[in-house]
Amino acid sequence: MPFVNLLGVELTAAAPTEVRGSLAWSESRCTTGGVLHGGALMGLADTLGGVCAFLNLPEGAATTTIESKTNFLRAVREGTVTATSTPLHTGRRFVVVETELCDDDDRLVAKVTQTQAVL
């Protein structure tokens, strides 16, 4: 996943029931005022959600994101964002994943719900 390397996402754990990873604050990932860009946060969530969906696929299947909803709850101006993805539904046609993103003080930064198609 070349974009993951470009973005700077670090995957720390991957199992069908939970995928964890992080993204460090960097000036190069910010918008005005030194705030971590929402697109960087969404990239972190989409990466972990995609891995979580993939780990819940039947053998030989592939997946693609068909819907993603993000609620941004807090700005990140320093530190590292840690994300945890868990499956809410693993069906024959769709996998729904929820990802929580938290700051260094374990405060919720964003919550993302994704629907992944089973291909």
C-alpha atoms as a PDB file:
ATOM      1  CA  MET A   1       0.000   0.000   0.000  1.00  0.00           C
ATOM      2  CA  PRO A   2       2.308   2.791  -1.256  1.00  0.00           C
ATOM      3  CA  PHE A   3       0.017   5.645  -0.119  1.00  0.00           C
ATOM      4  CA  VAL A   4       0.253   4.401   3.475  1.00  0.00           C
ATOM      5  CA  ASN A   5       4.021   4.904   3.370  1.00  0.00           C
ATOM      6  CA  LEU A   6       3.642   8.360   1.845  1.00  0.00           C
ATOM      7  CA  LEU A   7       1.095   9.338   4.486  1.00  0.00           C
ATOM      8  CA  GLY A   8       3.194   7.930   7.330  1.00  0.00           C
ATOM      9  CA  VAL A   9       0.673   5.453   8.777  1.00  0.00           C
ATOM     10  CA  GLU A  10       2.161   2.864  11.121  1.00  0.00           C
ATOM     11  CA  LEU A  11       0.254  -0.403  11.521  1.00  0.00           C
ATOM     12  CA  THR A  12       0.791  -1.765  15.045  1.00  0.00           C
ATOM     13  CA  ALA A  13      -1.643  -4.719  15.254  1.00  0.00           C
ATOM     14  CA  ALA A  14      -3.839  -6.576  12.807  1.00  0.00           C
ATOM     15  CA  ALA A  15      -6.414  -9.246  13.608  1.00  0.00           C
ATOM     16  CA  PRO A  16      -9.939  -9.864  12.256  1.00  0.00           C
ATOM     17  CA  THR A  17     -11.453  -8.459  15.462  1.00  0.00           C
ATOM     18  CA  GLU A  18      -9.247  -5.352  15.779  1.00  0.00           C
ATOM     19  CA  VAL A  19      -6.727  -3.400  13.727  1.00  0.00           C
ATOM     20  CA  ARG A  20      -4.595  -0.683  15.341  1.00  0.00           C
ATOM     21  CA  GLY A  21      -2.293   1.930  13.918  1.00  0.00           C
ATOM     22  CA  SER A  22      -1.059   5.475  14.333  1.00  0.00           C
ATOM     23  CA  LEU A  23      -0.141   8.672  12.557  1.00  0.00           C
ATOM     24  CA  ALA A  24       2.270  11.208  14.043  1.00  0.00           C
ATOM     25  CA  TRP A  25       1.598  14.928  13.835  1.00  0.00           C
ATOM     26  CA  SER A  26       3.867  16.595  11.314  1.00  0.00           C
ATOM     27  CA  GLU A  27       3.837  20.100   9.910  1.00  0.00           C
ATOM     28  CA  SER A  28       3.763  18.537   6.431  1.00  0.00           C
ATOM     29  CA  ARG A  29       0.391  16.918   7.282  1.00  0.00           C
ATOM     30  CA  CYS A  30      -1.257  20.098   8.560  1.00  0.00           C
ATOM     31  CA  THR A  31      -3.687  22.703   7.380  1.00  0.00           C
ATOM     32  CA  THR A  32      -3.601  26.313   8.613  1.00  0.00           C
ATOM     33  CA  GLY A  33      -2.814  26.930  12.258  1.00  0.00           C
ATOM     34  CA  GLY A  34      -0.800  23.735  12.664  1.00  0.00           C
ATOM     35  CA  VAL A  35      -3.879  21.486  12.764  1.00  0.00           C
ATOM     36  CA  LEU A  36      -3.506  17.953  11.423  1.00  0.00           C
ATOM     37  CA  HIS A  37      -5.401  17.847   8.119  1.00  0.00           C
ATOM     38  CA  GLY A  38      -8.730  16.010   8.095  1.00  0.00           C
ATOM     39  CA  GLY A  39      -7.633  14.167   4.972  1.00  0.00           C
ATOM     40  CA  ALA A  40      -4.663  12.732   6.859  1.00  0.00           C
ATOM     41  CA  LEU A  41      -7.016  11.515   9.595  1.00  0.00           C
ATOM     42  CA  MET A  42      -9.377  10.049   7.008  1.00  0.00           C
ATOM     43  CA  GLY A  43      -6.439   8.358   5.288  1.00  0.00           C
ATOM     44  CA  LEU A  44      -5.446   6.733   8.583  1.00  0.00           C
ATOM     45  CA  ALA A  45      -9.011   5.536   9.196  1.00  0.00           C
ATOM     46  CA  ASP A  46      -9.505   4.301   5.626  1.00  0.00           C
ATOM     47  CA  THR A  47      -6.240   2.357   5.768  1.00  0.00           C
ATOM     48  CA  LEU A  48      -7.061   0.603   9.030  1.00  0.00           C
ATOM     49  CA  GLY A  49     -10.690   0.045   8.014  1.00  0.00           C
ATOM     50  CA  GLY A  50      -9.589  -1.514   4.741  1.00  0.00           C
ATOM     51  CA  VAL A  51      -7.183  -3.859   6.528  1.00  0.00           C
ATOM     52  CA  CYS A  52      -9.909  -4.818   9.005  1.00  0.00           C
ATOM     53  CA  ALA A  53     -12.349  -5.542   6.175  1.00  0.00           C
ATOM     54  CA  PHE A  54      -9.712  -7.546   4.281  1.00  0.00           C
ATOM     55  CA  LEU A  55      -9.024  -9.702   7.339  1.00  0.00           C
ATOM     56  CA  ASN A  56     -12.729 -10.572   7.481  1.00  0.00           C
ATOM     57  CA  LEU A  57     -13.146 -11.571   3.828  1.00  0.00           C
ATOM     58  CA  PRO A  58     -13.777 -15.079   2.591  1.00  0.00           C
ATOM     59  CA  GLU A  59     -10.774 -16.705   0.922  1.00  0.00           C
ATOM     60  CA  GLY A  60     -10.109 -15.315  -2.555  1.00  0.00           C
ATOM     61  CA  ALA A  61     -12.329 -12.221  -2.143  1.00  0.00           C
ATOM     62  CA  ALA A  62     -11.244  -8.590  -2.416  1.00  0.00           C
ATOM     63  CA  THR A  63     -12.742  -5.401  -1.025  1.00  0.00           C
ATOM     64  CA  THR A  64     -13.210  -1.739  -1.831  1.00  0.00           C
ATOM     65  CA  THR A  65     -14.590   1.167   0.187  1.00  0.00           C
ATOM     66  CA  ILE A  66     -18.023   2.190  -1.081  1.00  0.00           C
ATOM     67  CA  GLU A  67     -19.012   4.563   1.736  1.00  0.00           C
ATOM     68  CA  SER A  68     -17.175   6.395   4.491  1.00  0.00           C
ATOM     69  CA  LYS A  69     -18.541   8.845   7.057  1.00  0.00           C
ATOM     70  CA  THR A  70     -16.279  10.853   9.351  1.00  0.00           C
ATOM     71  CA  ASN A  71     -17.220  12.885  12.408  1.00  0.00           C
ATOM     72  CA  PHE A  72     -14.370  15.220  13.397  1.00  0.00           C
ATOM     73  CA  LEU A  73     -14.563  15.985  17.111  1.00  0.00           C
ATOM     74  CA  ARG A  74     -11.264  17.596  18.111  1.00  0.00           C
ATOM     75  CA  ALA A  75      -8.275  19.267  16.450  1.00  0.00           C
ATOM     76  CA  VAL A  76      -4.829  17.681  16.694  1.00  0.00           C
ATOM     77  CA  ARG A  77      -1.946  20.154  17.043  1.00  0.00           C
ATOM     78  CA  GLU A  78       0.788  17.814  18.316  1.00  0.00           C
ATOM     79  CA  GLY A  79       1.591  14.231  19.244  1.00  0.00           C
ATOM     80  CA  THR A  80       0.298  11.065  17.667  1.00  0.00           C
ATOM     81  CA  VAL A  81      -3.161   9.939  16.658  1.00  0.00           C
ATOM     82  CA  THR A  82      -3.878   6.306  17.509  1.00  0.00           C
ATOM     83  CA  ALA A  83      -6.665   4.528  15.669  1.00  0.00           C
ATOM     84  CA  THR A  84      -8.564   1.310  16.323  1.00  0.00           C
ATOM     85  CA  SER A  85     -10.795  -0.365  13.724  1.00  0.00           C
ATOM     86  CA  THR A  86     -13.358  -3.018  14.617  1.00  0.00           C
ATOM     87  CA  PRO A  87     -15.888  -4.815  12.422  1.00  0.00           C
ATOM     88  CA  LEU A  88     -19.538  -3.998  13.089  1.00  0.00           C
ATOM     89  CA  HIS A  89     -20.874  -6.374  10.410  1.00  0.00           C
ATOM     90  CA  THR A  90     -19.183  -9.048   8.314  1.00  0.00           C
ATOM     91  CA  GLY A  91     -21.640 -10.264   5.716  1.00  0.00           C
ATOM     92  CA  ARG A  92     -21.477 -11.979   2.346  1.00  0.00           C
ATOM     93  CA  ARG A  93     -21.712  -8.720   0.381  1.00  0.00           C
ATOM     94  CA  PHE A  94     -20.595  -5.997   2.784  1.00  0.00           C
ATOM     95  CA  VAL A  95     -18.271  -5.448   5.716  1.00  0.00           C
ATOM     96  CA  VAL A  96     -18.979  -2.453   7.964  1.00  0.00           C
ATOM     97  CA  VAL A  97     -16.084  -1.168  10.051  1.00  0.00           C
ATOM     98  CA  GLU A  98     -15.947   1.473  12.786  1.00  0.00           C
ATOM     99  CA  THR A  99     -12.699   3.329  13.492  1.00  0.00           C
ATOM    100  CA  GLU A 100     -12.008   5.506  16.521  1.00  0.00           C
ATOM    101  CA  LEU A 101      -9.121   7.974  16.390  1.00  0.00           C
ATOM    102  CA  CYS A 102      -7.721   9.271  19.694  1.00  0.00           C
ATOM    103  CA  ASP A 103      -5.027  11.763  20.665  1.00  0.00           C
ATOM    104  CA  ASP A 104      -2.190  11.238  23.153  1.00  0.00           C
ATOM    105  CA  ASP A 105      -4.555  12.034  26.041  1.00  0.00           C
ATOM    106  CA  ASP A 106      -6.953   9.305  24.822  1.00  0.00           C
ATOM    107  CA  ARG A 107      -9.529  11.919  23.787  1.00  0.00           C
ATOM    108  CA  LEU A 108     -11.691  11.031  20.795  1.00  0.00           C
ATOM    109  CA  VAL A 109     -10.524  13.009  17.753  1.00  0.00           C
ATOM    110  CA  ALA A 110     -12.770  11.428  15.127  1.00  0.00           C
ATOM    111  CA  LYS A 111     -15.078   8.496  14.541  1.00  0.00           C
ATOM    112  CA  VAL A 112     -15.347   6.891  11.111  1.00  0.00           C
ATOM    113  CA  THR A 113     -17.842   4.333   9.818  1.00  0.00           C
ATOM    114  CA  GLN A 114     -17.037   2.614   6.537  1.00  0.00           C
ATOM    115  CA  THR A 115     -18.876   0.209   4.319  1.00  0.00           C
ATOM    116  CA  GLN A 116     -16.671  -2.105   2.274  1.00  0.00           C
ATOM    117  CA  ALA A 117     -18.024  -4.161  -0.619  1.00  0.00           C
ATOM    118  CA  VAL A 118     -16.991  -7.801  -0.805  1.00  0.00           C
ATOM    119  CA  LEU A 119     -15.773  -8.407  -4.379  1.00  0.00           C
END
